PDB file of N, CA and C in Angstrom:
ATOM      1  N   MET A   1     102.021  62.991 115.148  1.00  0.00           N
ATOM      2  CA  MET A   1     101.660  62.820 113.757  1.00  0.00           C
ATOM      3  C   MET A   1     101.681  61.333 113.434  1.00  0.00           C
ATOM      4  N   GLY A   2     100.656  60.850 112.822  1.00  0.00           N
ATOM      5  CA  GLY A   2     100.536  59.435 112.507  1.00  0.00           C
ATOM      6  C   GLY A   2     101.421  59.022 111.350  1.00  0.00           C
ATOM      7  N   SER A   3     101.578  57.724 111.200  1.00  0.00           N
ATOM      8  CA  SER A   3     102.457  57.211 110.138  1.00  0.00           C
ATOM      9  C   SER A   3     101.886  57.517 108.749  1.00  0.00           C
ATOM     10  N   SER A   4     100.567  57.539 108.615  1.00  0.00           N
ATOM     11  CA  SER A   4      99.979  57.832 107.306  1.00  0.00           C
ATOM     12  C   SER A   4     100.238  59.294 106.916  1.00  0.00           C
ATOM     13  N   GLN A   5     100.219  60.192 107.885  1.00  0.00           N
ATOM     14  CA  GLN A   5     100.509  61.597 107.588  1.00  0.00           C
ATOM     15  C   GLN A   5     101.970  61.775 107.208  1.00  0.00           C
ATOM     16  N   ARG A   6     102.870  61.095 107.929  1.00  0.00           N
ATOM     17  CA  ARG A   6     104.302  61.179 107.594  1.00  0.00           C
ATOM     18  C   ARG A   6     104.560  60.622 106.193  1.00  0.00           C
ATOM     19  N   ARG A   7     103.884  59.534 105.854  1.00  0.00           N
ATOM     20  CA  ARG A   7     104.048  58.938 104.532  1.00  0.00           C
ATOM     21  C   ARG A   7     103.511  59.880 103.447  1.00  0.00           C
ATOM     22  N   ALA A   8     102.384  60.535 103.712  1.00  0.00           N
ATOM     23  CA  ALA A   8     101.818  61.481 102.745  1.00  0.00           C
ATOM     24  C   ALA A   8     102.760  62.655 102.533  1.00  0.00           C
ATOM     25  N   ILE A   9     103.346  63.169 103.606  1.00  0.00           N
ATOM     26  CA  ILE A   9     104.288  64.285 103.480  1.00  0.00           C
ATOM     27  C   ILE A   9     105.530  63.833 102.722  1.00  0.00           C
ATOM     28  N   ARG A  10     106.034  62.645 103.024  1.00  0.00           N
ATOM     29  CA  ARG A  10     107.218  62.128 102.335  1.00  0.00           C
ATOM     30  C   ARG A  10     106.942  61.960 100.844  1.00  0.00           C
ATOM     31  N   ASN A  11     105.763  61.442 100.502  1.00  0.00           N
ATOM     32  CA  ASN A  11     105.403  61.273  99.090  1.00  0.00           C
ATOM     33  C   ASN A  11     105.252  62.618  98.389  1.00  0.00           C
ATOM     34  N   TYR A  12     104.636  63.575  99.076  1.00  0.00           N
ATOM     35  CA  TYR A  12     104.448  64.909  98.502  1.00  0.00           C
ATOM     36  C   TYR A  12     105.799  65.561  98.216  1.00  0.00           C
ATOM     37  N   ARG A  13     106.713  65.494  99.179  1.00  0.00           N
ATOM     38  CA  ARG A  13     108.041  66.094  98.991  1.00  0.00           C
ATOM     39  C   ARG A  13     108.838  65.353  97.918  1.00  0.00           C
ATOM     40  N   SER A  14     108.622  64.072  97.805  1.00  0.00           N
ATOM     41  CA  SER A  14     109.285  63.300  96.759  1.00  0.00           C
ATOM     42  C   SER A  14     108.797  63.738  95.380  1.00  0.00           C
ATOM     43  N   ARG A  15     107.488  63.930  95.241  1.00  0.00           N
ATOM     44  CA  ARG A  15     106.942  64.407  93.959  1.00  0.00           C
ATOM     45  C   ARG A  15     107.464  65.800  93.631  1.00  0.00           C
ATOM     46  N   LEU A  16     107.583  66.668  94.635  1.00  0.00           N
ATOM     47  CA  LEU A  16     108.134  68.002  94.397  1.00  0.00           C
ATOM     48  C   LEU A  16     109.569  67.928  93.900  1.00  0.00           C
ATOM     49  N   SER A  17     110.380  67.097  94.537  1.00  0.00           N
ATOM     50  CA  SER A  17     111.785  67.006  94.141  1.00  0.00           C
ATOM     51  C   SER A  17     111.931  66.403  92.745  1.00  0.00           C
ATOM     52  N   GLN A  18     111.026  65.519  92.347  1.00  0.00           N
ATOM     53  CA  GLN A  18     111.064  64.981  90.989  1.00  0.00           C
ATOM     54  C   GLN A  18     110.791  66.072  89.958  1.00  0.00           C
ATOM     55  N   LYS A  19     109.991  67.067  90.341  1.00  0.00           N
ATOM     56  CA  LYS A  19     109.704  68.195  89.456  1.00  0.00           C
ATOM     57  C   LYS A  19     110.792  69.263  89.521  1.00  0.00           C
ATOM     58  N   GLY A  20     111.771  69.086  90.407  1.00  0.00           N
ATOM     59  CA  GLY A  20     112.834  70.075  90.556  1.00  0.00           C
ATOM     60  C   GLY A  20     112.457  71.203  91.495  1.00  0.00           C
ATOM     61  N   LEU A  21     111.442  70.986  92.313  1.00  0.00           N
ATOM     62  CA  LEU A  21     110.979  72.014  93.238  1.00  0.00           C
ATOM     63  C   LEU A  21     111.351  71.628  94.664  1.00  0.00           C
ATOM     64  N   ALA A  22     111.427  72.637  95.523  1.00  0.00           N
ATOM     65  CA  ALA A  22     111.693  72.413  96.940  1.00  0.00           C
ATOM     66  C   ALA A  22     110.758  73.295  97.746  1.00  0.00           C
ATOM     67  N   ARG A  23     110.409  72.825  98.906  1.00  0.00           N
ATOM     68  CA  ARG A  23     109.546  73.587  99.798  1.00  0.00           C
ATOM     69  C   ARG A  23     110.429  74.226 100.855  1.00  0.00           C
ATOM     70  N   PHE A  24     110.239  75.534 101.076  1.00  0.00           N
ATOM     71  CA  PHE A  24     111.019  76.216 102.101  1.00  0.00           C
ATOM     72  C   PHE A  24     110.211  77.357 102.681  1.00  0.00           C
ATOM     73  N   GLU A  25     110.692  77.840 103.800  1.00  0.00           N
ATOM     74  CA  GLU A  25     109.985  78.887 104.525  1.00  0.00           C
ATOM     75  C   GLU A  25     110.713  80.206 104.332  1.00  0.00           C
ATOM     76  N   VAL A  26     109.945  81.274 104.188  1.00  0.00           N
ATOM     77  CA  VAL A  26     110.503  82.605 103.981  1.00  0.00           C
ATOM     78  C   VAL A  26     109.882  83.550 105.001  1.00  0.00           C
ATOM     79  N   LEU A  27     110.708  84.403 105.581  1.00  0.00           N
ATOM     80  CA  LEU A  27     110.207  85.417 106.496  1.00  0.00           C
ATOM     81  C   LEU A  27     110.081  86.736 105.755  1.00  0.00           C
ATOM     82  N   GLY A  28     108.989  87.424 105.978  1.00  0.00           N
ATOM     83  CA  GLY A  28     108.778  88.706 105.324  1.00  0.00           C
ATOM     84  C   GLY A  28     107.634  89.447 105.984  1.00  0.00           C
ATOM     85  N   ARG A  29     107.380  90.626 105.488  1.00  0.00           N
ATOM     86  CA  ARG A  29     106.282  91.429 106.018  1.00  0.00           C
ATOM     87  C   ARG A  29     104.951  90.829 105.597  1.00  0.00           C
ATOM     88  N   ASP A  30     103.974  90.997 106.456  1.00  0.00           N
ATOM     89  CA  ASP A  30     102.646  90.458 106.173  1.00  0.00           C
ATOM     90  C   ASP A  30     102.046  91.107 104.929  1.00  0.00           C
ATOM     91  N   THR A  31     102.383  92.364 104.677  1.00  0.00           N
ATOM     92  CA  THR A  31     101.839  93.061 103.508  1.00  0.00           C
ATOM     93  C   THR A  31     102.422  92.527 102.200  1.00  0.00           C
ATOM     94  N   ASP A  32     103.574  91.858 102.269  1.00  0.00           N
ATOM     95  CA  ASP A  32     104.220  91.323 101.072  1.00  0.00           C
ATOM     96  C   ASP A  32     103.848  89.874 100.794  1.00  0.00           C
ATOM     97  N   ARG A  33     102.957  89.315 101.574  1.00  0.00           N
ATOM     98  CA  ARG A  33     102.610  87.895 101.448  1.00  0.00           C
ATOM     99  C   ARG A  33     102.145  87.533 100.036  1.00  0.00           C
ATOM    100  N   ASP A  34     101.200  88.283  99.495  1.00  0.00           N
ATOM    101  CA  ASP A  34     100.671  87.970  98.156  1.00  0.00           C
ATOM    102  C   ASP A  34     101.742  88.148  97.084  1.00  0.00           C
ATOM    103  N   LEU A  35     102.573  89.181  97.247  1.00  0.00           N
ATOM    104  CA  LEU A  35     103.647  89.425  96.279  1.00  0.00           C
ATOM    105  C   LEU A  35     104.641  88.271  96.277  1.00  0.00           C
ATOM    106  N   ILE A  36     105.049  87.822  97.441  1.00  0.00           N
ATOM    107  CA  ILE A  36     106.026  86.737  97.529  1.00  0.00           C
ATOM    108  C   ILE A  36     105.432  85.438  97.003  1.00  0.00           C
ATOM    109  N   ARG A  37     104.178  85.180  97.308  1.00  0.00           N
ATOM    110  CA  ARG A  37     103.543  83.956  96.814  1.00  0.00           C
ATOM    111  C   ARG A  37     103.415  83.964  95.293  1.00  0.00           C
ATOM    112  N   SER A  38     103.013  85.106  94.740  1.00  0.00           N
ATOM    113  CA  SER A  38     102.875  85.166  93.282  1.00  0.00           C
ATOM    114  C   SER A  38     104.242  85.092  92.604  1.00  0.00           C
ATOM    115  N   LEU A  39     105.258  85.695  93.218  1.00  0.00           N
ATOM    116  CA  LEU A  39     106.609  85.613  92.676  1.00  0.00           C
ATOM    117  C   LEU A  39     107.105  84.172  92.701  1.00  0.00           C
ATOM    118  N   ALA A  40     106.887  83.480  93.819  1.00  0.00           N
ATOM    119  CA  ALA A  40     107.302  82.081  93.925  1.00  0.00           C
ATOM    120  C   ALA A  40     106.561  81.210  92.914  1.00  0.00           C
ATOM    121  N   ARG A  41     105.277  81.483  92.717  1.00  0.00           N
ATOM    122  CA  ARG A  41     104.481  80.705  91.757  1.00  0.00           C
ATOM    123  C   ARG A  41     105.014  80.891  90.344  1.00  0.00           C
ATOM    124  N   ARG A  42     105.344  82.134  89.999  1.00  0.00           N
ATOM    125  CA  ARG A  42     105.867  82.411  88.651  1.00  0.00           C
ATOM    126  C   ARG A  42     107.252  81.814  88.452  1.00  0.00           C
ATOM    127  N   LEU A  43     108.101  81.870  89.504  1.00  0.00           N
ATOM    128  CA  LEU A  43     109.441  81.314  89.388  1.00  0.00           C
ATOM    129  C   LEU A  43     109.418  79.788  89.305  1.00  0.00           C
ATOM    130  N   ALA A  44     108.393  79.159  89.842  1.00  0.00           N
ATOM    131  CA  ALA A  44     108.289  77.701  89.803  1.00  0.00           C
ATOM    132  C   ALA A  44     107.966  77.196  88.406  1.00  0.00           C
ATOM    133  N   GLU A  45     107.420  78.057  87.553  1.00  0.00           N
ATOM    134  CA  GLU A  45     107.129  77.662  86.179  1.00  0.00           C
ATOM    135  C   GLU A  45     108.434  77.528  85.408  1.00  0.00           C
ATOM    136  N   ASP A  46     108.457  76.638  84.454  1.00  0.00           N
ATOM    137  CA  ASP A  46     109.649  76.457  83.625  1.00  0.00           C
ATOM    138  C   ASP A  46     109.396  77.125  82.279  1.00  0.00           C
ATOM    139  N   SER A  47     109.447  78.465  82.279  1.00  0.00           N
ATOM    140  CA  SER A  47     109.142  79.202  81.055  1.00  0.00           C
ATOM    141  C   SER A  47     110.164  80.315  80.857  1.00  0.00           C
ATOM    142  N   THR A  48     110.076  80.954  79.698  1.00  0.00           N
ATOM    143  CA  THR A  48     110.988  82.067  79.425  1.00  0.00           C
ATOM    144  C   THR A  48     110.665  83.260  80.315  1.00  0.00           C
ATOM    145  N   ASP A  49     109.377  83.444  80.629  1.00  0.00           N
ATOM    146  CA  ASP A  49     109.008  84.529  81.546  1.00  0.00           C
ATOM    147  C   ASP A  49     109.642  84.326  82.916  1.00  0.00           C
ATOM    148  N   ALA A  50     109.652  83.084  83.388  1.00  0.00           N
ATOM    149  CA  ALA A  50     110.257  82.782  84.685  1.00  0.00           C
ATOM    150  C   ALA A  50     111.763  83.040  84.644  1.00  0.00           C
ATOM    151  N   SER A  51     112.398  82.682  83.554  1.00  0.00           N
ATOM    152  CA  SER A  51     113.843  82.923  83.421  1.00  0.00           C
ATOM    153  C   SER A  51     114.145  84.413  83.413  1.00  0.00           C
ATOM    154  N   ARG A  52     113.330  85.165  82.676  1.00  0.00           N
ATOM    155  CA  ARG A  52     113.539  86.616  82.620  1.00  0.00           C
ATOM    156  C   ARG A  52     113.296  87.244  83.984  1.00  0.00           C
ATOM    157  N   LEU A  53     112.246  86.818  84.669  1.00  0.00           N
ATOM    158  CA  LEU A  53     111.939  87.332  85.995  1.00  0.00           C
ATOM    159  C   LEU A  53     113.039  86.975  86.986  1.00  0.00           C
ATOM    160  N   ARG A  54     113.558  85.763  86.891  1.00  0.00           N
ATOM    161  CA  ARG A  54     114.651  85.318  87.756  1.00  0.00           C
ATOM    162  C   ARG A  54     115.879  86.193  87.545  1.00  0.00           C
ATOM    163  N   ALA A  55     116.185  86.518  86.294  1.00  0.00           N
ATOM    164  CA  ALA A  55     117.347  87.358  86.003  1.00  0.00           C
ATOM    165  C   ALA A  55     117.149  88.770  86.531  1.00  0.00           C
ATOM    166  N   ILE A  56     115.955  89.321  86.366  1.00  0.00           N
ATOM    167  CA  ILE A  56     115.687  90.687  86.816  1.00  0.00           C
ATOM    168  C   ILE A  56     115.756  90.781  88.330  1.00  0.00           C
ATOM    169  N   VAL A  57     115.124  89.832  89.022  1.00  0.00           N
ATOM    170  CA  VAL A  57     115.136  89.854  90.484  1.00  0.00           C
ATOM    171  C   VAL A  57     116.552  89.615  90.995  1.00  0.00           C
ATOM    172  N   GLY A  58     117.266  88.686  90.384  1.00  0.00           N
ATOM    173  CA  GLY A  58     118.650  88.422  90.787  1.00  0.00           C
ATOM    174  C   GLY A  58     119.532  89.635  90.618  1.00  0.00           C
ATOM    175  N   GLN A  59     119.328  90.350  89.539  1.00  0.00           N
ATOM    176  CA  GLN A  59     120.113  91.555  89.282  1.00  0.00           C
ATOM    177  C   GLN A  59     119.755  92.653  90.276  1.00  0.00           C
ATOM    178  N   ALA A  60     118.469  92.792  90.602  1.00  0.00           N
ATOM    179  CA  ALA A  60     118.044  93.816  91.560  1.00  0.00           C
ATOM    180  C   ALA A  60     118.561  93.517  92.961  1.00  0.00           C
ATOM    181  N   VAL A  61     118.557  92.244  93.338  1.00  0.00           N
ATOM    182  CA  VAL A  61     119.044  91.864  94.668  1.00  0.00           C
ATOM    183  C   VAL A  61     120.554  92.016  94.751  1.00  0.00           C
ATOM    184  N   ALA A  62     121.256  91.670  93.686  1.00  0.00           N
ATOM    185  CA  ALA A  62     122.715  91.764  93.679  1.00  0.00           C
ATOM    186  C   ALA A  62     123.179  93.219  93.649  1.00  0.00           C
ATOM    187  N   GLY A  63     122.334  94.109  93.159  1.00  0.00           N
ATOM    188  CA  GLY A  63     122.693  95.523  93.097  1.00  0.00           C
ATOM    189  C   GLY A  63     123.652  95.864  91.979  1.00  0.00           C
ATOM    190  N   GLU A  64     123.795  94.978  91.028  1.00  0.00           N
ATOM    191  CA  GLU A  64     124.690  95.240  89.906  1.00  0.00           C
ATOM    192  C   GLU A  64     124.014  96.156  88.901  1.00  0.00           C
ATOM    193  N   PRO A  65     124.791  97.040  88.271  1.00  0.00           N
ATOM    194  CA  PRO A  65     124.192  97.886  87.228  1.00  0.00           C
ATOM    195  C   PRO A  65     123.829  97.032  86.020  1.00  0.00           C
ATOM    196  N   PRO A  66     122.810  97.432  85.275  1.00  0.00           N
ATOM    197  CA  PRO A  66     122.421  96.655  84.092  1.00  0.00           C
ATOM    198  C   PRO A  66     123.543  96.633  83.058  1.00  0.00           C
ATOM    199  N   ARG A  67     123.652  95.513  82.368  1.00  0.00           N
ATOM    200  CA  ARG A  67     124.680  95.388  81.348  1.00  0.00           C
ATOM    201  C   ARG A  67     124.313  96.222  80.126  1.00  0.00           C
ATOM    202  N   LYS A  68     125.306  96.697  79.430  1.00  0.00           N
ATOM    203  CA  LYS A  68     125.066  97.466  78.217  1.00  0.00           C
ATOM    204  C   LYS A  68     124.674  96.525  77.084  1.00  0.00           C
ATOM    205  N   GLY A  69     123.910  97.052  76.139  1.00  0.00           N
ATOM    206  CA  GLY A  69     123.528  96.271  74.971  1.00  0.00           C
ATOM    207  C   GLY A  69     122.243  95.494  75.161  1.00  0.00           C
ATOM    208  N   GLY A  70     121.485  95.789  76.202  1.00  0.00           N
ATOM    209  CA  GLY A  70     120.255  95.048  76.451  1.00  0.00           C
ATOM    210  C   GLY A  70     119.214  95.277  75.372  1.00  0.00           C
ATOM    211  N   ILE A  71     119.112  96.502  74.894  1.00  0.00           N
ATOM    212  CA  ILE A  71     118.127  96.804  73.847  1.00  0.00           C
ATOM    213  C   ILE A  71     118.527  96.113  72.548  1.00  0.00           C
ATOM    214  N   LEU A  72     119.811  96.155  72.236  1.00  0.00           N
ATOM    215  CA  LEU A  72     120.290  95.506  71.016  1.00  0.00           C
ATOM    216  C   LEU A  72     120.056  93.998  71.084  1.00  0.00           C
ATOM    217  N   ALA A  73     120.313  93.403  72.230  1.00  0.00           N
ATOM    218  CA  ALA A  73     120.081  91.965  72.384  1.00  0.00           C
ATOM    219  C   ALA A  73     118.596  91.629  72.225  1.00  0.00           C
ATOM    220  N   ALA A  74     117.718  92.480  72.768  1.00  0.00           N
ATOM    221  CA  ALA A  74     116.278  92.257  72.634  1.00  0.00           C
ATOM    222  C   ALA A  74     115.847  92.361  71.170  1.00  0.00           C
ATOM    223  N   LEU A  75     116.392  93.323  70.445  1.00  0.00           N
ATOM    224  CA  LEU A  75     116.059  93.458  69.029  1.00  0.00           C
ATOM    225  C   LEU A  75     116.552  92.253  68.223  1.00  0.00           C
ATOM    226  N   ARG A  76     117.689  91.717  68.598  1.00  0.00           N
ATOM    227  CA  ARG A  76     118.217  90.547  67.892  1.00  0.00           C
ATOM    228  C   ARG A  76     117.392  89.297  68.167  1.00  0.00           C
ATOM    229  N   ARG A  77     116.721  89.250  69.314  1.00  0.00           N
ATOM    230  CA  ARG A  77     115.864  88.109  69.636  1.00  0.00           C
ATOM    231  C   ARG A  77     114.479  88.232  69.010  1.00  0.00           C
ATOM    232  N   SER A  78     114.199  89.344  68.377  1.00  0.00           N
ATOM    233  CA  SER A  78     112.886  89.598  67.799  1.00  0.00           C
ATOM    234  C   SER A  78     112.551  88.566  66.718  1.00  0.00           C
ATOM    235  N   PRO A  79     111.292  88.168  66.640  1.00  0.00           N
ATOM    236  CA  PRO A  79     110.907  87.221  65.587  1.00  0.00           C
ATOM    237  C   PRO A  79     110.949  87.837  64.199  1.00  0.00           C
ATOM    238  N   LEU A  80     111.095  89.153  64.098  1.00  0.00           N
ATOM    239  CA  LEU A  80     111.129  89.815  62.798  1.00  0.00           C
ATOM    240  C   LEU A  80     112.544  89.900  62.215  1.00  0.00           C
ATOM    241  N   VAL A  81     113.537  89.353  62.910  1.00  0.00           N
ATOM    242  CA  VAL A  81     114.906  89.378  62.406  1.00  0.00           C
ATOM    243  C   VAL A  81     114.963  88.557  61.124  1.00  0.00           C
ATOM    244  N   GLY A  82     115.508  89.143  60.075  1.00  0.00           N
ATOM    245  CA  GLY A  82     115.639  88.453  58.797  1.00  0.00           C
ATOM    246  C   GLY A  82     114.363  88.426  57.978  1.00  0.00           C
ATOM    247  N   ALA A  83     113.371  89.217  58.337  1.00  0.00           N
ATOM    248  CA  ALA A  83     112.104  89.206  57.607  1.00  0.00           C
ATOM    249  C   ALA A  83     112.144  90.095  56.370  1.00  0.00           C
ATOM    250  N   ASP A  84     113.222  90.829  56.149  1.00  0.00           N
ATOM    251  CA  ASP A  84     113.384  91.725  54.997  1.00  0.00           C
ATOM    252  C   ASP A  84     112.197  92.662  54.837  1.00  0.00           C
ATOM    253  N   LEU A  85     111.895  93.393  55.898  1.00  0.00           N
ATOM    254  CA  LEU A  85     110.818  94.373  55.849  1.00  0.00           C
ATOM    255  C   LEU A  85     111.326  95.656  55.212  1.00  0.00           C
ATOM    256  N   ASP A  86     110.480  96.292  54.429  1.00  0.00           N
ATOM    257  CA  ASP A  86     110.842  97.541  53.765  1.00  0.00           C
ATOM    258  C   ASP A  86     110.153  98.684  54.497  1.00  0.00           C
ATOM    259  N   PHE A  87     110.941  99.502  55.173  1.00  0.00           N
ATOM    260  CA  PHE A  87     110.396 100.613  55.947  1.00  0.00           C
ATOM    261  C   PHE A  87     110.465 101.938  55.198  1.00  0.00           C
ATOM    262  N   ALA A  88     110.802 101.936  53.921  1.00  0.00           N
ATOM    263  CA  ALA A  88     110.880 103.157  53.129  1.00  0.00           C
ATOM    264  C   ALA A  88     109.472 103.685  52.866  1.00  0.00           C
ATOM    265  N   ARG A  89     109.315 104.995  53.040  1.00  0.00           N
ATOM    266  CA  ARG A  89     108.016 105.615  52.795  1.00  0.00           C
ATOM    267  C   ARG A  89     108.147 106.571  51.624  1.00  0.00           C
ATOM    268  N   PRO A  90     107.095 106.684  50.821  1.00  0.00           N
ATOM    269  CA  PRO A  90     107.167 107.653  49.719  1.00  0.00           C
ATOM    270  C   PRO A  90     107.199 109.076  50.277  1.00  0.00           C
ATOM    271  N   ARG A  91     108.024 109.898  49.672  1.00  0.00           N
ATOM    272  CA  ARG A  91     108.172 111.278  50.125  1.00  0.00           C
ATOM    273  C   ARG A  91     107.101 112.127  49.452  1.00  0.00           C
ATOM    274  N   GLU A  92     106.229 112.753  50.226  1.00  0.00           N
ATOM    275  CA  GLU A  92     105.166 113.596  49.691  1.00  0.00           C
ATOM    276  C   GLU A  92     105.313 114.996  50.269  1.00  0.00           C
ATOM    277  N   GLU A  93     104.962 115.962  49.469  1.00  0.00           N
ATOM    278  CA  GLU A  93     105.083 117.355  49.898  1.00  0.00           C
ATOM    279  C   GLU A  93     103.934 117.764  50.821  1.00  0.00           C
ATOM    280  N   GLY A  94     102.842 117.092  50.753  1.00  0.00           N
ATOM    281  CA  GLY A  94     101.708 117.460  51.563  1.00  0.00           C
ATOM    282  C   GLY A  94     100.664 118.179  50.723  1.00  0.00           C
ATOM    283  N   ARG A  95      99.673 118.743  51.347  1.00  0.00           N
ATOM    284  CA  ARG A  95      98.605 119.415  50.615  1.00  0.00           C
ATOM    285  C   ARG A  95      98.654 120.917  50.897  1.00  0.00           C
ATOM    286  N   ASN A  96      98.113 121.662  49.992  1.00  0.00           N
ATOM    287  CA  ASN A  96      98.057 123.109  50.162  1.00  0.00           C
ATOM    288  C   ASN A  96      96.877 123.479  51.045  1.00  0.00           C
ATOM    289  N   VAL A  97      97.140 124.320  52.004  1.00  0.00           N
ATOM    290  CA  VAL A  97      96.103 124.755  52.945  1.00  0.00           C
ATOM    291  C   VAL A  97      96.059 126.259  52.908  1.00  0.00           C
ATOM    292  N   GLU A  98      94.881 126.802  52.745  1.00  0.00           N
ATOM    293  CA  GLU A  98      94.725 128.259  52.772  1.00  0.00           C
ATOM    294  C   GLU A  98      94.388 128.699  54.194  1.00  0.00           C
ATOM    295  N   LEU A  99      95.155 129.621  54.695  1.00  0.00           N
ATOM    296  CA  LEU A  99      94.902 130.125  56.055  1.00  0.00           C
ATOM    297  C   LEU A  99      94.245 131.480  56.022  1.00  0.00           C
TER     298      LEU A  99
END
C-alpha cells in the first residue's frame, strides 16, 4: 500500500473519530447483511430515533424484562401534555328505529 493510500485512510479515520464514529468489523450471516448495515446506519445518526433504537436493541440483547411504566412515560412525553383538552361528549339517547 502506498503512502498516499495510508494517508487517505488515516485522514478518513480521523474524520470519523471527530464525528464520534468508529469503523469496525462484524461477523454475521450473509442473509443479515442488509439488516446489520441499516441498523448501523440508523445508530450512527444522532437522533431520538437512534437513541430509542439503541435502548430497544440493548434491552433485547441483554434479555432484561421491560421496565414497568413505559406507557405512562410515553404519555407524559406527549406534546399534548398540558394542552387542557376537553374530552367530554354530549350524552344523546340516539334515534328511534322501527324494526
